[in-house]
Amino acid sequence: MQKLSMEQLNRPDVESFKTQNKTPIVIVLDNVRSMHNVGSAFRTADGFAIEKILLCGITGTPPHREIEKTALGATQSVVWEHVDSTQNAVQSLKDAGYKILAIEQAAGSINLHEVAVESSAKYAFVFGNEVHGVSEEVMQQIDACIEIPQFGTKHSLNVSVTVGIVVWHFLQKLKFF
């Protein structure tokens, strides 16, 4: 088996990417501390042509060396915005018709594989701080909470891993693959 070359992969350049149709998903990072996690979210957003990333509160913003280390240039292709308050960002998304889903372990959460996905809906996924998760104030604003089932001794997954799992799952359910 031979790996494909960059030409064979037929990826769009940055300018073409910016004008192509996007997946109706917004990634909201709620006070994410690790610049590597932020960079990874950018790379995932580019890979799946996500509409936008909202970097909220203390979440780092480009340009930053550690973000770029994992983003590998995706900060140039993905639309992003910094918002001081995650609550304000979520309210703006709600007002714009997005279904707000927190990815968190909470009472009444829905297992990821049981989530009903509407093909006509626009989604905003809120991913929380590495230690404290999604803030309690934001949890009061969401439409639903998704939980990724886990079977080991640790109580959580890394933010960057969680972003990839959730986005991939929704893309599959939206029948993009």
C-alpha atoms as a PDB file:
ATOM      1  CA  MET A   1       0.000   0.000   0.000  1.00  0.00           C
ATOM      2  CA  GLN A   2       1.283   3.462  -0.877  1.00  0.00           C
ATOM      3  CA  LYS A   3       0.421   6.715   0.864  1.00  0.00           C
ATOM      4  CA  LEU A   4      -1.307   9.355  -1.254  1.00  0.00           C
ATOM      5  CA  SER A   5       0.629  12.448  -2.257  1.00  0.00           C
ATOM      6  CA  MET A   6      -0.639  15.963  -1.490  1.00  0.00           C
ATOM      7  CA  GLU A   7      -1.724  16.291  -5.127  1.00  0.00           C
ATOM      8  CA  GLN A   8      -3.679  13.030  -4.959  1.00  0.00           C
ATOM      9  CA  LEU A   9      -5.490  14.175  -1.817  1.00  0.00           C
ATOM     10  CA  ASN A  10      -6.914  17.060  -3.853  1.00  0.00           C
ATOM     11  CA  ARG A  11      -7.364  19.377  -0.856  1.00  0.00           C
ATOM     12  CA  PRO A  12      -8.563  22.947  -1.428  1.00  0.00           C
ATOM     13  CA  ASP A  13      -6.200  25.846  -0.853  1.00  0.00           C
ATOM     14  CA  VAL A  14      -7.032  28.268   1.974  1.00  0.00           C
ATOM     15  CA  GLU A  15      -8.912  30.731  -0.238  1.00  0.00           C
ATOM     16  CA  SER A  16     -11.035  27.972  -1.820  1.00  0.00           C
ATOM     17  CA  PHE A  17     -11.718  26.503   1.624  1.00  0.00           C
ATOM     18  CA  LYS A  18     -12.980  29.851   2.890  1.00  0.00           C
ATOM     19  CA  THR A  19     -15.655  29.986   0.162  1.00  0.00           C
ATOM     20  CA  GLN A  20     -16.776  26.345   0.181  1.00  0.00           C
ATOM     21  CA  ASN A  21     -19.932  25.168   1.943  1.00  0.00           C
ATOM     22  CA  LYS A  22     -19.370  24.456   5.620  1.00  0.00           C
ATOM     23  CA  THR A  23     -20.790  21.917   8.017  1.00  0.00           C
ATOM     24  CA  PRO A  24     -23.450  23.717  10.120  1.00  0.00           C
ATOM     25  CA  ILE A  25     -21.549  23.246  13.370  1.00  0.00           C
ATOM     26  CA  VAL A  26     -19.940  25.845  15.639  1.00  0.00           C
ATOM     27  CA  ILE A  27     -17.355  24.738  18.194  1.00  0.00           C
ATOM     28  CA  VAL A  28     -17.488  26.747  21.425  1.00  0.00           C
ATOM     29  CA  LEU A  29     -14.469  26.490  23.724  1.00  0.00           C
ATOM     30  CA  ASP A  30     -15.468  27.540  27.249  1.00  0.00           C
ATOM     31  CA  ASN A  31     -12.332  28.731  29.067  1.00  0.00           C
ATOM     32  CA  VAL A  32     -10.041  26.060  27.614  1.00  0.00           C
ATOM     33  CA  ARG A  33      -6.570  26.577  29.083  1.00  0.00           C
ATOM     34  CA  SER A  34      -4.330  24.455  26.877  1.00  0.00           C
ATOM     35  CA  MET A  35      -3.148  26.137  23.700  1.00  0.00           C
ATOM     36  CA  HIS A  36      -2.492  22.665  22.282  1.00  0.00           C
ATOM     37  CA  ASN A  37      -6.174  21.775  22.787  1.00  0.00           C
ATOM     38  CA  VAL A  38      -7.164  25.011  21.049  1.00  0.00           C
ATOM     39  CA  GLY A  39      -4.853  24.254  18.129  1.00  0.00           C
ATOM     40  CA  SER A  40      -6.226  20.749  17.856  1.00  0.00           C
ATOM     41  CA  ALA A  41      -9.788  22.100  17.739  1.00  0.00           C
ATOM     42  CA  PHE A  42      -8.742  24.321  14.824  1.00  0.00           C
ATOM     43  CA  ARG A  43      -7.218  21.377  12.982  1.00  0.00           C
ATOM     44  CA  THR A  44     -10.351  19.276  13.490  1.00  0.00           C
ATOM     45  CA  ALA A  45     -12.538  22.193  12.391  1.00  0.00           C
ATOM     46  CA  ASP A  46     -10.511  22.532   9.202  1.00  0.00           C
ATOM     47  CA  GLY A  47     -10.539  18.783   8.552  1.00  0.00           C
ATOM     48  CA  PHE A  48     -14.327  18.618   8.720  1.00  0.00           C
ATOM     49  CA  ALA A  49     -15.036  22.093   7.252  1.00  0.00           C
ATOM     50  CA  ILE A  50     -16.729  23.340  10.402  1.00  0.00           C
ATOM     51  CA  GLU A  51     -18.468  26.706  10.153  1.00  0.00           C
ATOM     52  CA  LYS A  52     -16.729  28.508  13.023  1.00  0.00           C
ATOM     53  CA  ILE A  53     -14.924  28.313  16.365  1.00  0.00           C
ATOM     54  CA  LEU A  54     -15.783  30.620  19.264  1.00  0.00           C
ATOM     55  CA  LEU A  55     -12.923  31.050  21.727  1.00  0.00           C
ATOM     56  CA  CYS A  56     -14.473  32.175  25.007  1.00  0.00           C
ATOM     57  CA  GLY A  57     -13.157  33.648  28.233  1.00  0.00           C
ATOM     58  CA  ILE A  58      -9.545  32.709  28.984  1.00  0.00           C
ATOM     59  CA  THR A  59      -9.272  30.476  25.911  1.00  0.00           C
ATOM     60  CA  GLY A  60      -6.140  31.464  23.997  1.00  0.00           C
ATOM     61  CA  THR A  61      -6.338  33.002  20.553  1.00  0.00           C
ATOM     62  CA  PRO A  62      -4.143  32.992  17.473  1.00  0.00           C
ATOM     63  CA  PRO A  63      -1.520  33.958  16.727  1.00  0.00           C
ATOM     64  CA  HIS A  64       0.197  31.863  19.384  1.00  0.00           C
ATOM     65  CA  ARG A  65       3.138  29.508  18.947  1.00  0.00           C
ATOM     66  CA  GLU A  66       1.551  26.643  20.907  1.00  0.00           C
ATOM     67  CA  ILE A  67      -1.765  26.926  19.054  1.00  0.00           C
ATOM     68  CA  GLU A  68       0.038  26.900  15.706  1.00  0.00           C
ATOM     69  CA  LYS A  69       2.086  23.866  16.724  1.00  0.00           C
ATOM     70  CA  THR A  70      -1.022  21.678  16.646  1.00  0.00           C
ATOM     71  CA  ALA A  71      -3.209  23.698  14.269  1.00  0.00           C
ATOM     72  CA  LEU A  72      -0.634  23.412  11.463  1.00  0.00           C
ATOM     73  CA  GLY A  73      -2.021  26.482   9.700  1.00  0.00           C
ATOM     74  CA  ALA A  74      -5.727  25.822  10.323  1.00  0.00           C
ATOM     75  CA  THR A  75      -5.982  29.169  12.115  1.00  0.00           C
ATOM     76  CA  GLN A  76      -5.686  30.718   8.647  1.00  0.00           C
ATOM     77  CA  SER A  77      -8.551  28.712   7.141  1.00  0.00           C
ATOM     78  CA  VAL A  78     -11.108  28.373   9.944  1.00  0.00           C
ATOM     79  CA  VAL A  79     -13.295  31.329  10.878  1.00  0.00           C
ATOM     80  CA  TRP A  80     -12.911  32.145  14.556  1.00  0.00           C
ATOM     81  CA  GLU A  81     -13.885  34.800  17.034  1.00  0.00           C
ATOM     82  CA  HIS A  82     -12.991  35.582  20.635  1.00  0.00           C
ATOM     83  CA  VAL A  83     -15.914  36.330  22.958  1.00  0.00           C
ATOM     84  CA  ASP A  84     -15.267  37.452  26.537  1.00  0.00           C
ATOM     85  CA  SER A  85     -18.290  35.613  27.930  1.00  0.00           C
ATOM     86  CA  THR A  86     -19.285  32.073  26.981  1.00  0.00           C
ATOM     87  CA  GLN A  87     -22.801  32.886  28.193  1.00  0.00           C
ATOM     88  CA  ASN A  88     -23.040  35.770  25.705  1.00  0.00           C
ATOM     89  CA  ALA A  89     -21.668  33.569  22.910  1.00  0.00           C
ATOM     90  CA  VAL A  90     -24.209  30.836  23.651  1.00  0.00           C
ATOM     91  CA  GLN A  91     -27.078  33.321  23.805  1.00  0.00           C
ATOM     92  CA  SER A  92     -26.076  34.783  20.431  1.00  0.00           C
ATOM     93  CA  LEU A  93     -25.984  31.293  18.928  1.00  0.00           C
ATOM     94  CA  LYS A  94     -29.414  30.480  20.402  1.00  0.00           C
ATOM     95  CA  ASP A  95     -30.785  33.714  18.962  1.00  0.00           C
ATOM     96  CA  ALA A  96     -29.374  32.676  15.571  1.00  0.00           C
ATOM     97  CA  GLY A  97     -31.239  29.352  15.719  1.00  0.00           C
ATOM     98  CA  TYR A  98     -28.463  26.979  16.782  1.00  0.00           C
ATOM     99  CA  LYS A  99     -29.209  23.978  18.963  1.00  0.00           C
ATOM    100  CA  ILE A 100     -26.774  24.263  21.897  1.00  0.00           C
ATOM    101  CA  LEU A 101     -25.273  20.993  23.108  1.00  0.00           C
ATOM    102  CA  ALA A 102     -22.789  20.813  25.960  1.00  0.00           C
ATOM    103  CA  ILE A 103     -20.370  17.915  26.018  1.00  0.00           C
ATOM    104  CA  GLU A 104     -20.297  17.132  29.713  1.00  0.00           C
ATOM    105  CA  GLN A 105     -21.040  14.536  32.356  1.00  0.00           C
ATOM    106  CA  ALA A 106     -24.285  15.700  33.924  1.00  0.00           C
ATOM    107  CA  ALA A 107     -27.593  14.476  35.288  1.00  0.00           C
ATOM    108  CA  GLY A 108     -29.889  13.859  32.349  1.00  0.00           C
ATOM    109  CA  SER A 109     -27.114  13.750  29.754  1.00  0.00           C
ATOM    110  CA  ILE A 110     -27.682  11.745  26.579  1.00  0.00           C
ATOM    111  CA  ASN A 111     -25.154   9.136  25.502  1.00  0.00           C
ATOM    112  CA  LEU A 112     -23.526  10.234  22.265  1.00  0.00           C
ATOM    113  CA  HIS A 113     -24.696   7.164  20.333  1.00  0.00           C
ATOM    114  CA  GLU A 114     -28.319   7.851  21.372  1.00  0.00           C
ATOM    115  CA  VAL A 115     -28.475  11.479  20.241  1.00  0.00           C
ATOM    116  CA  ALA A 116     -31.123  12.224  17.624  1.00  0.00           C
ATOM    117  CA  VAL A 117     -29.544  14.353  14.901  1.00  0.00           C
ATOM    118  CA  GLU A 118     -31.735  16.547  12.720  1.00  0.00           C
ATOM    119  CA  SER A 119     -30.289  17.105   9.250  1.00  0.00           C
ATOM    120  CA  SER A 120     -31.897  20.547   9.002  1.00  0.00           C
ATOM    121  CA  ALA A 121     -30.571  21.791  12.367  1.00  0.00           C
ATOM    122  CA  LYS A 122     -27.559  23.959  13.075  1.00  0.00           C
ATOM    123  CA  TYR A 123     -25.506  22.823  16.074  1.00  0.00           C
ATOM    124  CA  ALA A 124     -23.185  24.506  18.537  1.00  0.00           C
ATOM    125  CA  PHE A 125     -21.086  22.209  20.718  1.00  0.00           C
ATOM    126  CA  VAL A 126     -19.762  23.610  23.992  1.00  0.00           C
ATOM    127  CA  PHE A 127     -16.534  22.050  25.246  1.00  0.00           C
ATOM    128  CA  GLY A 128     -15.383  23.020  28.724  1.00  0.00           C
ATOM    129  CA  ASN A 129     -12.301  23.782  30.735  1.00  0.00           C
ATOM    130  CA  GLU A 130      -9.884  20.891  31.241  1.00  0.00           C
ATOM    131  CA  VAL A 131     -10.418  20.864  35.026  1.00  0.00           C
ATOM    132  CA  HIS A 132     -13.872  22.338  35.664  1.00  0.00           C
ATOM    133  CA  GLY A 133     -15.699  21.392  32.456  1.00  0.00           C
ATOM    134  CA  VAL A 134     -18.514  23.507  31.031  1.00  0.00           C
ATOM    135  CA  SER A 135     -19.427  26.281  33.469  1.00  0.00           C
ATOM    136  CA  GLU A 136     -22.602  25.936  35.552  1.00  0.00           C
ATOM    137  CA  GLU A 137     -23.929  29.203  34.091  1.00  0.00           C
ATOM    138  CA  VAL A 138     -23.606  27.880  30.540  1.00  0.00           C
ATOM    139  CA  MET A 139     -25.157  24.546  31.559  1.00  0.00           C
ATOM    140  CA  GLN A 140     -28.316  26.516  32.415  1.00  0.00           C
ATOM    141  CA  GLN A 141     -28.513  27.786  28.800  1.00  0.00           C
ATOM    142  CA  ILE A 142     -28.057  24.582  26.822  1.00  0.00           C
ATOM    143  CA  ASP A 143     -30.691  22.634  24.932  1.00  0.00           C
ATOM    144  CA  ALA A 144     -29.197  19.253  25.816  1.00  0.00           C
ATOM    145  CA  CYS A 145     -26.076  17.623  27.217  1.00  0.00           C
ATOM    146  CA  ILE A 146     -24.140  14.882  25.475  1.00  0.00           C
ATOM    147  CA  GLU A 147     -21.910  12.420  27.260  1.00  0.00           C
ATOM    148  CA  ILE A 148     -19.355  10.110  25.667  1.00  0.00           C
ATOM    149  CA  PRO A 149     -19.589   6.700  27.378  1.00  0.00           C
ATOM    150  CA  GLN A 150     -16.322   5.700  29.048  1.00  0.00           C
ATOM    151  CA  PHE A 151     -15.243   2.447  30.632  1.00  0.00           C
ATOM    152  CA  GLY A 152     -11.858   3.106  32.244  1.00  0.00           C
ATOM    153  CA  THR A 153     -10.668   4.548  35.516  1.00  0.00           C
ATOM    154  CA  LYS A 154     -10.363   8.166  34.355  1.00  0.00           C
ATOM    155  CA  HIS A 155     -13.438  10.384  34.546  1.00  0.00           C
ATOM    156  CA  SER A 156     -12.888  12.362  31.363  1.00  0.00           C
ATOM    157  CA  LEU A 157     -11.279  12.544  27.940  1.00  0.00           C
ATOM    158  CA  ASN A 158      -8.964  15.255  26.688  1.00  0.00           C
ATOM    159  CA  VAL A 159     -10.805  18.214  25.135  1.00  0.00           C
ATOM    160  CA  SER A 160      -9.104  17.729  21.775  1.00  0.00           C
ATOM    161  CA  VAL A 161     -10.091  14.052  21.649  1.00  0.00           C
ATOM    162  CA  THR A 162     -13.662  14.901  22.635  1.00  0.00           C
ATOM    163  CA  VAL A 163     -13.968  17.505  19.863  1.00  0.00           C
ATOM    164  CA  GLY A 164     -12.903  14.930  17.268  1.00  0.00           C
ATOM    165  CA  ILE A 165     -15.216  12.200  18.540  1.00  0.00           C
ATOM    166  CA  VAL A 166     -18.305  14.417  18.730  1.00  0.00           C
ATOM    167  CA  VAL A 167     -17.820  16.158  15.396  1.00  0.00           C
ATOM    168  CA  TRP A 168     -17.120  12.867  13.597  1.00  0.00           C
ATOM    169  CA  HIS A 169     -20.201  11.252  15.160  1.00  0.00           C
ATOM    170  CA  PHE A 170     -22.457  14.114  14.085  1.00  0.00           C
ATOM    171  CA  LEU A 171     -21.028  14.114  10.568  1.00  0.00           C
ATOM    172  CA  GLN A 172     -21.819  10.416  10.296  1.00  0.00           C
ATOM    173  CA  LYS A 173     -25.373  10.973  11.552  1.00  0.00           C
ATOM    174  CA  LEU A 174     -25.827  13.891   9.168  1.00  0.00           C
ATOM    175  CA  LYS A 175     -24.977  11.323   6.463  1.00  0.00           C
ATOM    176  CA  PHE A 176     -21.952  13.110   5.082  1.00  0.00           C
ATOM    177  CA  PHE A 177     -20.219   9.706   4.905  1.00  0.00           C
END
